């Protein structure tokens, strides 16, 4: 049975003569130089761990589907993180099945032979002439080091646990079971501790991100002259992300002045004004989809004003206190509490809050100026392992191999009358990526300065 073609709005009819002509005269382009992806042995261990967790059960993990941006134009595809973690593959509509025996089969859409049908030159979604070359079954088996089969042969009529909400066609074909939620939770929790290969990919992403931040500082004179300076810098960092990796790992936050008080400011359409601060929260996503997540707050003039420095030094002190708590066995929430005690004490010393430190921590009044948590797990997703149970993540303890961000901040709204005028209308966040080690934690983003004196010296050297 021939599958229907995805015909685009500007597709032209094909005559019988042209169809016959297109089926002949092509060189053999099967690849003989394919080697296994570096992630393949690690992915095999992960699949084995998954099978061991659900012995004798069938598990279905889809890659996900293409999503239309408008009409017949799709967004660039990114596979579901659980699927990428277990396979290293990245094509749409594929499905990984772990059989009750523990063996895995990757069902995929191989490249279509040119002597058969019209997909390769007419299908706008999957055709090789439209979307690029896909591996054939033999190539895929070598790349991913797992048995591969055509997606047409996928049988979904047997009982299985399914990772839901990823591929509607898979959801529709397999009756929902009580065990699906448990599968989703485990797929999140098994990624909490990073293996050696993952830490290496994250370090690559962090190092590329540091180079992107340097690019941004070098571009400041041009960006300051542009009416959309924030967007100029977003483009500068985005270029680094695309040159060294897959893309940015999330929408970059390029927030100048009061825009930094909007925690997820991604419009990035404002100007840069000399004398203001710039809060840049951005991360390169590696080709393997592991992302960095780093924030620096930079004085656009090259030097902090006294009020800006006062606030920056308090956030820096809070981050130092938070980082000092990181070690195996520490509670995940400890680093946030350590940072908030420093922030709260500082705000009290400035006269913005009144009362004992313990009382203020209990009432949470400090959150007027520092609303959100101070960090999260990091990995394939910028907010990684988000489907994990609270008792093993947010209320759990740190372990060697956890990778997380530490990112305290202060956000002084421009209309906040509890603040002296010199503190209104700017935000400060310092965010770094760390991996928990046997006796503490390693600062993966140490290549970027954190202290205000270091920030000013670094900017001076780059400008």
Protein backbone atom coordinates (compact mmCIF):
# COMPACT_ATOMS: atom_id res chain seq x y z
CA UNK A 1 0.00 0.00 0.00
CA UNK A 2 1.41 3.37 -1.06
CA UNK A 3 1.33 6.02 1.66
CA UNK A 4 -0.19 9.39 0.69
CA UNK A 5 2.26 12.12 -0.15
CA UNK A 6 2.51 15.34 1.82
CA UNK A 7 2.06 17.74 -1.06
CA UNK A 8 2.99 21.37 -0.52
CA UNK A 9 1.11 24.46 -1.61
CA UNK A 10 3.55 25.07 -4.45
CA UNK A 11 3.77 21.48 -5.70
CA UNK A 12 3.22 21.00 -9.46
CA UNK A 13 1.41 18.07 -11.11
CA UNK A 14 3.59 15.20 -12.31
CA UNK A 15 2.92 13.55 -15.64
CA UNK A 16 3.26 9.79 -16.13
CA UNK A 17 6.25 10.45 -18.31
CA UNK A 18 7.99 12.55 -15.68
CA UNK A 19 7.21 9.98 -12.98
CA UNK A 20 8.79 7.23 -15.08
CA UNK A 21 11.80 9.43 -15.86
CA UNK A 22 12.33 10.19 -12.14
CA UNK A 23 12.50 6.48 -11.26
CA UNK A 24 15.59 5.79 -13.34
CA UNK A 25 19.15 6.98 -13.83
CA UNK A 26 20.27 7.37 -10.22
CA UNK A 27 23.65 6.33 -8.83
CA UNK A 28 23.84 3.96 -5.86
CA UNK A 29 24.27 6.25 -2.85
CA UNK A 30 24.06 3.66 -0.10
CA UNK A 31 26.65 4.52 2.51
CA UNK A 32 29.35 2.07 3.50
CA UNK A 33 31.23 4.42 5.83
CA UNK A 34 28.63 4.59 8.62
CA UNK A 35 29.95 4.12 12.15
CA UNK A 36 28.15 3.93 15.45
CA UNK A 37 27.31 7.19 17.19
CA UNK A 38 29.41 7.86 20.31
CA UNK A 39 26.25 7.76 22.39
CA UNK A 40 25.25 4.28 21.17
CA UNK A 41 26.86 2.20 23.98
CA UNK A 42 25.50 4.57 26.60
CA UNK A 43 22.01 4.43 25.09
CA UNK A 44 22.17 0.62 25.15
CA UNK A 45 22.87 0.69 28.91
CA UNK A 46 19.92 3.03 29.40
CA UNK A 47 17.57 0.77 27.46
CA UNK A 48 18.75 -2.19 29.55
CA UNK A 49 18.04 -0.24 32.75
CA UNK A 50 14.58 0.64 31.46
CA UNK A 51 13.81 -2.99 30.58
CA UNK A 52 15.01 -4.11 34.00
CA UNK A 53 12.67 -1.64 35.69
CA UNK A 54 9.64 -3.05 33.83
CA UNK A 55 10.50 -6.73 33.31
CA UNK A 56 8.26 -8.70 30.97
CA UNK A 57 6.41 -5.60 29.74
CA UNK A 58 6.20 -3.90 26.39
CA UNK A 59 7.26 -0.25 26.45
CA UNK A 60 6.56 2.24 23.67
CA UNK A 61 8.54 5.50 23.47
CA UNK A 62 7.79 7.70 20.42
CA UNK A 63 10.13 10.31 19.02
CA UNK A 64 7.36 12.79 18.36
CA UNK A 65 5.90 14.35 15.25
CA UNK A 66 6.47 17.35 13.07
CA UNK A 67 4.41 20.39 14.05
CA UNK A 68 3.10 22.90 11.55
CA UNK A 69 4.28 26.46 11.96
CA UNK A 70 1.86 27.68 9.33
CA UNK A 71 0.10 25.91 6.47
CA UNK A 72 2.63 23.48 4.97
CA UNK A 73 5.68 24.85 6.80
CA UNK A 74 6.86 22.90 9.85
CA UNK A 75 8.92 23.90 12.85
CA UNK A 76 12.39 22.39 12.95
CA UNK A 77 11.99 18.97 14.56
CA UNK A 78 13.39 18.07 17.95
CA UNK A 79 12.72 14.58 19.34
CA UNK A 80 11.26 14.00 22.78
CA UNK A 81 14.10 13.98 25.29
CA UNK A 82 13.30 10.49 26.61
CA UNK A 83 13.49 9.09 23.08
CA UNK A 84 16.77 10.89 22.38
CA UNK A 85 18.18 9.63 25.69
CA UNK A 86 17.39 6.02 24.83
CA UNK A 87 18.44 6.02 21.17
CA UNK A 88 20.55 9.00 20.12
CA UNK A 89 18.27 9.23 17.07
CA UNK A 90 16.44 12.34 15.94
CA UNK A 91 13.97 11.75 13.08
CA UNK A 92 10.25 12.48 13.41
CA UNK A 93 7.56 9.78 13.77
CA UNK A 94 9.98 7.04 14.83
CA UNK A 95 9.09 4.78 17.75
CA UNK A 96 11.30 2.81 20.14
CA UNK A 97 9.75 -0.40 21.46
CA UNK A 98 11.25 -2.35 24.33
CA UNK A 99 9.81 -5.85 24.09
CA UNK A 100 8.90 -8.07 27.08
CA UNK A 101 12.09 -10.05 26.38
CA UNK A 102 14.11 -6.92 27.09
CA UNK A 103 15.19 -6.55 23.47
CA UNK A 104 14.65 -3.22 21.75
CA UNK A 105 13.49 -2.44 18.22
CA UNK A 106 13.64 1.02 16.68
CA UNK A 107 10.83 1.51 14.16
CA UNK A 108 11.66 4.25 11.72
CA UNK A 109 10.94 5.65 8.29
CA UNK A 110 13.96 4.72 6.16
CA UNK A 111 14.90 6.66 3.04
CA UNK A 112 12.62 5.76 0.14
CA UNK A 113 14.21 3.97 -2.84
CA UNK A 114 14.23 6.19 -5.89
CA UNK A 115 13.02 3.38 -8.11
CA UNK A 116 9.84 3.18 -6.03
CA UNK A 117 7.17 5.87 -5.87
CA UNK A 118 7.46 9.65 -5.73
CA UNK A 119 8.14 10.37 -2.08
CA UNK A 120 11.80 11.24 -2.52
CA UNK A 121 11.05 14.19 -4.79
CA UNK A 122 7.44 15.14 -4.05
CA UNK A 123 6.80 14.68 -0.31
CA UNK A 124 7.49 18.04 1.34
CA UNK A 125 7.78 16.52 4.84
CA UNK A 126 9.80 13.38 4.24
CA UNK A 127 11.11 13.51 0.69
CA UNK A 128 14.87 13.50 0.37
CA UNK A 129 14.82 16.37 -2.11
CA UNK A 130 12.77 18.44 0.37
CA UNK A 131 13.95 17.49 3.84
CA UNK A 132 17.30 15.82 3.33
CA UNK A 133 18.59 12.29 3.46
CA UNK A 134 17.43 9.77 6.06
CA UNK A 135 19.41 6.62 6.82
CA UNK A 136 18.22 3.33 5.40
CA UNK A 137 17.58 0.44 7.78
CA UNK A 138 21.13 -0.94 7.60
CA UNK A 139 22.66 2.49 8.15
CA UNK A 140 20.34 3.20 11.08
CA UNK A 141 21.16 -0.12 12.73
CA UNK A 142 24.86 0.70 12.50
CA UNK A 143 24.42 4.26 13.74
CA UNK A 144 22.26 3.46 16.74
CA UNK A 145 23.46 -0.09 17.46
CA UNK A 146 19.92 -1.40 17.86
CA UNK A 147 17.66 -3.55 15.70
CA UNK A 148 15.78 -1.34 13.22
CA UNK A 149 12.56 -2.01 11.31
CA UNK A 150 10.28 -0.06 8.98
CA UNK A 151 7.65 1.99 10.80
CA UNK A 152 5.01 0.31 8.61
CA UNK A 153 5.61 -2.95 10.47
CA UNK A 154 5.00 -1.50 13.94
CA UNK A 155 2.33 -3.52 15.76
CA UNK A 156 0.55 -1.53 18.44
CA UNK A 157 -2.30 -3.93 19.04
CA UNK A 158 -0.65 -5.57 22.07
CA UNK A 159 -0.77 -4.33 25.67
CA UNK A 160 2.00 -1.84 26.42
CA UNK A 161 3.01 1.07 28.55
CA UNK A 162 3.21 4.18 26.37
CA UNK A 163 4.92 7.53 26.80
CA UNK A 164 1.80 9.60 26.19
CA UNK A 165 1.32 13.02 24.69
CA UNK A 166 4.22 12.68 22.25
CA UNK A 167 2.69 11.10 19.14
CA UNK A 168 -1.13 11.31 18.73
CA UNK A 169 -1.23 8.38 16.32
CA UNK A 170 0.49 6.13 18.86
CA UNK A 171 -1.78 7.34 21.65
CA UNK A 172 -4.84 6.55 19.54
CA UNK A 173 -3.72 3.01 18.70
CA UNK A 174 -2.81 1.82 22.22
CA UNK A 175 -5.46 1.87 24.96
CA UNK A 176 -4.45 4.03 27.88
CA UNK A 177 -3.22 2.00 30.84
CA UNK A 178 -2.70 2.76 34.50
CA UNK A 179 1.03 2.14 34.12
CA UNK A 180 1.64 4.89 31.55
CA UNK A 181 2.19 7.59 34.19
CA UNK A 182 4.67 5.36 36.00
CA UNK A 183 6.65 4.92 32.77
CA UNK A 184 6.75 8.69 32.19
CA UNK A 185 7.96 9.27 35.75
CA UNK A 186 10.73 6.70 35.49
CA UNK A 187 11.88 8.05 32.12
CA UNK A 188 12.34 11.40 33.85
CA UNK A 189 13.95 10.10 37.02
CA UNK A 190 16.43 7.82 35.27
CA UNK A 191 17.99 10.96 33.76
CA UNK A 192 18.64 12.63 37.12
CA UNK A 193 22.15 11.20 37.48
CA UNK A 194 24.26 11.98 34.43
CA UNK A 195 26.77 9.47 33.11
CA UNK A 196 30.28 10.36 32.03
CA UNK A 197 29.28 10.88 28.41
CA UNK A 198 26.45 13.24 29.35
CA UNK A 199 28.71 15.36 31.55
CA UNK A 200 31.09 15.71 28.62
CA UNK A 201 28.29 16.88 26.32
CA UNK A 202 27.08 19.36 28.91
CA UNK A 203 30.60 20.70 29.36
CA UNK A 204 30.87 21.20 25.60
CA UNK A 205 27.58 23.13 25.64
CA UNK A 206 28.75 25.28 28.56
CA UNK A 207 32.07 26.06 26.89
CA UNK A 208 30.32 27.04 23.65
CA UNK A 209 27.98 29.22 25.68
CA UNK A 210 30.94 31.03 27.24
CA UNK A 211 32.20 31.80 23.74
CA UNK A 212 28.73 33.09 22.87
CA UNK A 213 28.80 35.46 25.86
CA UNK A 214 32.16 36.77 24.68
CA UNK A 215 30.64 37.36 21.24
CA UNK A 216 27.85 39.37 22.86
CA UNK A 217 30.24 41.61 24.78
CA UNK A 218 32.28 42.27 21.63
CA UNK A 219 29.07 43.21 19.80
CA UNK A 220 27.91 45.73 22.42
CA UNK A 221 29.10 48.89 20.62
CA UNK A 222 27.08 47.97 17.52
CA UNK A 223 24.10 46.77 19.53
CA UNK A 224 23.99 49.99 21.58
CA UNK A 225 23.57 51.93 18.35
CA UNK A 226 20.67 49.79 17.13
CA UNK A 227 17.05 50.58 18.09
CA UNK A 228 16.53 46.88 18.80
CA UNK A 229 19.76 46.26 20.62
CA UNK A 230 18.35 43.34 22.60
CA UNK A 231 17.44 41.55 19.40
CA UNK A 232 20.83 42.33 17.90
CA UNK A 233 22.50 40.53 20.79
CA UNK A 234 20.01 37.66 20.61
CA UNK A 235 21.12 37.16 17.00
CA UNK A 236 24.80 37.31 17.92
CA UNK A 237 24.40 34.58 20.52
CA UNK A 238 22.12 32.58 18.25
CA UNK A 239 24.81 32.53 15.58
CA UNK A 240 27.27 30.94 18.01
CA UNK A 241 24.63 28.39 19.04
CA UNK A 242 23.96 27.37 15.45
CA UNK A 243 27.63 27.30 14.48
CA UNK A 244 28.73 25.11 17.37
CA UNK A 245 25.56 23.22 18.25
CA UNK A 246 22.01 22.46 17.25
CA UNK A 247 20.48 25.75 18.41
CA UNK A 248 19.85 27.59 21.64
CA UNK A 249 18.55 25.26 24.33
CA UNK A 250 15.66 27.65 25.09
CA UNK A 251 14.55 31.09 24.00
CA UNK A 252 17.31 33.48 25.01
CA UNK A 253 16.49 36.17 27.57
CA UNK A 254 18.18 39.42 26.51
CA UNK A 255 16.80 41.91 28.98
CA UNK A 256 18.09 45.47 29.33
CA UNK A 257 17.05 47.85 32.07
CA UNK A 258 13.62 47.16 33.53
CA UNK A 259 13.07 44.26 31.13
CA UNK A 260 15.28 42.22 33.47
CA UNK A 261 12.45 42.39 36.01
CA UNK A 262 10.37 40.20 33.67
CA UNK A 263 11.64 36.75 34.59
CA UNK A 264 11.01 35.19 31.18
CA UNK A 265 11.54 38.20 28.93
CA UNK A 266 11.95 36.72 25.43
CA UNK A 267 10.49 39.49 23.27
CA UNK A 268 13.99 40.95 23.13
CA UNK A 269 12.83 43.96 21.16
CA UNK A 270 14.08 46.80 23.32
CA UNK A 271 16.98 49.22 23.00
CA UNK A 272 20.16 49.19 25.06
CA UNK A 273 20.88 52.33 27.03
CA UNK A 274 24.32 53.28 28.24
CA UNK A 275 24.31 53.10 32.03
CA UNK A 276 21.72 50.32 32.23
CA UNK A 277 22.35 46.70 33.09
CA UNK A 278 21.88 43.85 30.63
CA UNK A 279 20.68 40.49 31.93
CA UNK A 280 21.63 37.78 29.45
CA UNK A 281 20.26 34.27 30.10
CA UNK A 282 21.23 31.95 27.26
CA UNK A 283 22.56 28.50 26.52
CA UNK A 284 23.95 26.61 23.55
CA UNK A 285 22.29 23.25 22.88
CA UNK A 286 24.81 20.72 21.55
CA UNK A 287 24.02 18.61 18.49
CA UNK A 288 23.29 15.82 20.98
CA UNK A 289 20.60 18.11 22.51
CA UNK A 290 22.29 18.68 25.89
CA UNK A 291 22.00 22.33 26.83
CA UNK A 292 23.82 24.84 28.96
CA UNK A 293 21.95 27.49 30.96
CA UNK A 294 24.02 30.48 32.03
CA UNK A 295 23.13 34.03 33.08
CA UNK A 296 25.35 37.06 33.45
CA UNK A 297 24.34 40.61 34.30
CA UNK A 298 26.54 43.14 32.54
CA UNK A 299 26.88 46.93 32.87
CA UNK A 300 26.36 48.34 29.39
CA UNK A 301 28.74 51.18 30.16
CA UNK A 302 31.41 48.68 31.16
CA UNK A 303 31.23 49.66 34.84
CA UNK A 304 28.61 49.22 37.55
CA UNK A 305 27.09 52.25 39.24
CA UNK A 306 27.30 52.21 43.07
CA UNK A 307 23.66 51.05 43.40
CA UNK A 308 24.09 48.38 40.73
CA UNK A 309 27.26 47.11 42.36
CA UNK A 310 25.62 47.02 45.78
CA UNK A 311 22.84 44.80 44.45
CA UNK A 312 25.18 42.69 42.33
CA UNK A 313 27.50 41.99 45.25
CA UNK A 314 24.58 40.78 47.34
CA UNK A 315 23.48 38.34 44.61
CA UNK A 316 27.08 37.19 44.18
CA UNK A 317 27.38 36.55 47.91
CA UNK A 318 24.11 34.61 47.82
CA UNK A 319 25.33 32.47 44.94
CA UNK A 320 28.59 31.72 46.74
CA UNK A 321 26.62 30.59 49.80
CA UNK A 322 24.40 28.38 47.65
CA UNK A 323 27.30 26.76 45.81
CA UNK A 324 29.01 25.99 49.13
CA UNK A 325 26.10 23.70 50.10
CA UNK A 326 26.38 21.42 47.08
CA UNK A 327 27.59 17.91 47.88
CA UNK A 328 26.18 14.37 47.84
CA UNK A 329 23.64 13.92 50.60
CA UNK A 330 22.69 17.60 50.83
CA UNK A 331 19.00 18.26 50.29
CA UNK A 332 18.16 19.71 46.88
CA UNK A 333 16.42 22.68 48.48
CA UNK A 334 19.42 23.53 50.69
CA UNK A 335 21.19 25.70 48.13
CA UNK A 336 18.09 27.82 47.54
CA UNK A 337 17.57 28.32 51.26
CA UNK A 338 21.23 29.30 51.69
CA UNK A 339 20.96 31.89 48.92
CA UNK A 340 17.71 33.31 50.29
CA UNK A 341 19.11 33.76 53.79
CA UNK A 342 21.90 35.89 52.36
CA UNK A 343 19.47 37.86 50.19
CA UNK A 344 17.02 38.38 53.05
CA UNK A 345 19.74 39.51 55.45
CA UNK A 346 21.04 41.95 52.88
CA UNK A 347 17.61 43.41 52.21
CA UNK A 348 17.08 43.79 55.94
CA UNK A 349 20.45 45.51 56.36
CA UNK A 350 19.44 47.96 53.62
CA UNK A 351 16.25 48.77 55.56
CA UNK A 352 13.90 47.27 52.97
CA UNK A 353 12.71 44.55 55.36
CA UNK A 354 12.21 44.65 59.10
CA UNK A 355 12.26 41.82 61.64
CA UNK A 356 14.45 38.90 62.61
CA UNK A 357 16.06 36.87 59.86
CA UNK A 358 14.17 33.71 60.83
CA UNK A 359 10.84 35.55 60.89
CA UNK A 360 11.48 37.08 57.49
CA UNK A 361 12.42 33.70 56.03
CA UNK A 362 9.22 32.25 57.45
CA UNK A 363 6.95 34.96 56.07
CA UNK A 364 8.73 35.06 52.71
CA UNK A 365 8.61 38.86 52.42
CA UNK A 366 11.95 38.79 50.59
CA UNK A 367 10.20 37.19 47.64
CA UNK A 368 8.83 40.58 46.62
CA UNK A 369 12.34 41.20 45.24
CA UNK A 370 13.43 37.66 44.34
CA UNK A 371 10.35 35.75 43.27
CA UNK A 372 11.51 32.44 41.87
CA UNK A 373 13.57 29.44 42.95
CA UNK A 374 17.36 29.51 42.71
CA UNK A 375 18.00 26.61 40.37
CA UNK A 376 16.98 23.37 38.69
CA UNK A 377 18.33 20.19 37.15
CA UNK A 378 19.96 20.53 33.74
CA UNK A 379 20.49 18.09 30.88
CA UNK A 380 18.62 17.28 27.68
CA UNK A 381 15.98 19.77 28.83
CA UNK A 382 16.85 23.13 30.31
CA UNK A 383 14.48 22.30 33.18
CA UNK A 384 15.49 18.67 33.16
CA UNK A 385 13.71 15.70 34.74
CA UNK A 386 10.61 17.79 35.38
CA UNK A 387 8.30 14.75 35.56
CA UNK A 388 10.20 13.28 38.49
CA UNK A 389 8.47 12.73 41.81
CA UNK A 390 9.03 15.47 44.38
CA UNK A 391 10.52 13.00 46.86
CA UNK A 392 13.39 12.16 44.52
CA UNK A 393 13.92 15.64 43.05
CA UNK A 394 12.67 18.80 44.75
CA UNK A 395 12.41 17.17 48.17
CA UNK A 396 15.22 14.72 47.53
CA UNK A 397 18.96 14.77 48.13
CA UNK A 398 21.83 15.47 45.79
CA UNK A 399 23.94 12.65 44.40
CA UNK A 400 27.19 12.44 42.48
CA UNK A 401 26.40 13.03 38.81
CA UNK A 402 23.56 15.49 39.33
CA UNK A 403 23.96 18.55 37.09
CA UNK A 404 22.10 21.67 38.15
CA UNK A 405 22.00 25.43 37.91
CA UNK A 406 22.46 27.87 40.77
CA UNK A 407 20.84 31.20 39.90
CA UNK A 408 19.79 33.59 42.68
CA UNK A 409 18.57 37.00 41.62
CA UNK A 410 17.15 40.35 42.63
CA UNK A 411 14.44 42.02 40.56
CA UNK A 412 13.62 45.62 41.37
CA UNK A 413 10.44 46.64 39.56
CA UNK A 414 10.43 50.16 38.11
CA UNK A 415 7.17 51.06 39.90
CA UNK A 416 8.05 49.61 43.32
CA UNK A 417 7.70 52.47 45.81
CA UNK A 418 9.21 50.39 48.64
CA UNK A 419 12.56 50.88 46.92
CA UNK A 420 14.77 53.97 46.84
CA UNK A 421 14.74 55.47 43.39
CA UNK A 422 18.30 54.39 42.58
CA UNK A 423 17.33 50.71 42.98
CA UNK A 424 14.24 50.79 40.77
CA UNK A 425 14.06 49.38 37.28
CA UNK A 426 16.78 46.76 37.01
CA UNK A 427 17.32 43.08 37.70
CA UNK A 428 20.34 40.98 38.50
CA UNK A 429 20.78 37.24 38.12
CA UNK A 430 23.97 35.21 38.21
CA UNK A 431 23.50 31.66 36.96
CA UNK A 432 26.06 28.90 36.69
CA UNK A 433 26.02 25.21 35.83
CA UNK A 434 27.54 22.71 38.26
CA UNK A 435 28.03 18.95 38.44
CA UNK A 436 27.93 17.28 41.84
CA UNK A 437 31.11 15.30 42.53
CA UNK A 438 32.12 12.83 45.23
CA UNK A 439 33.13 15.57 47.66
CA UNK A 440 31.38 18.73 46.45
CA UNK A 441 30.60 20.23 43.06
CA UNK A 442 32.53 21.43 40.01
CA UNK A 443 31.69 24.79 38.46
CA UNK A 444 31.30 23.89 34.80
CA UNK A 445 30.90 27.53 33.75
CA UNK A 446 34.02 28.76 35.52
CA UNK A 447 35.26 30.15 32.20
CA UNK A 448 32.99 33.15 32.65
CA UNK A 449 33.69 35.71 35.39
CA UNK A 450 31.20 36.16 38.23
CA UNK A 451 32.56 38.81 40.60
CA UNK A 452 31.79 42.42 39.60
CA UNK A 453 35.47 43.37 39.45
CA UNK A 454 36.12 40.40 37.16
CA UNK A 455 33.11 41.32 35.03
CA UNK A 456 34.41 44.84 34.47
CA UNK A 457 37.94 43.66 33.65
CA UNK A 458 36.63 40.97 31.29
CA UNK A 459 34.43 43.44 29.43
CA UNK A 460 37.24 45.95 29.18
CA UNK A 461 39.52 43.36 27.62
CA UNK A 462 36.90 42.35 25.03
CA UNK A 463 35.66 45.79 24.02
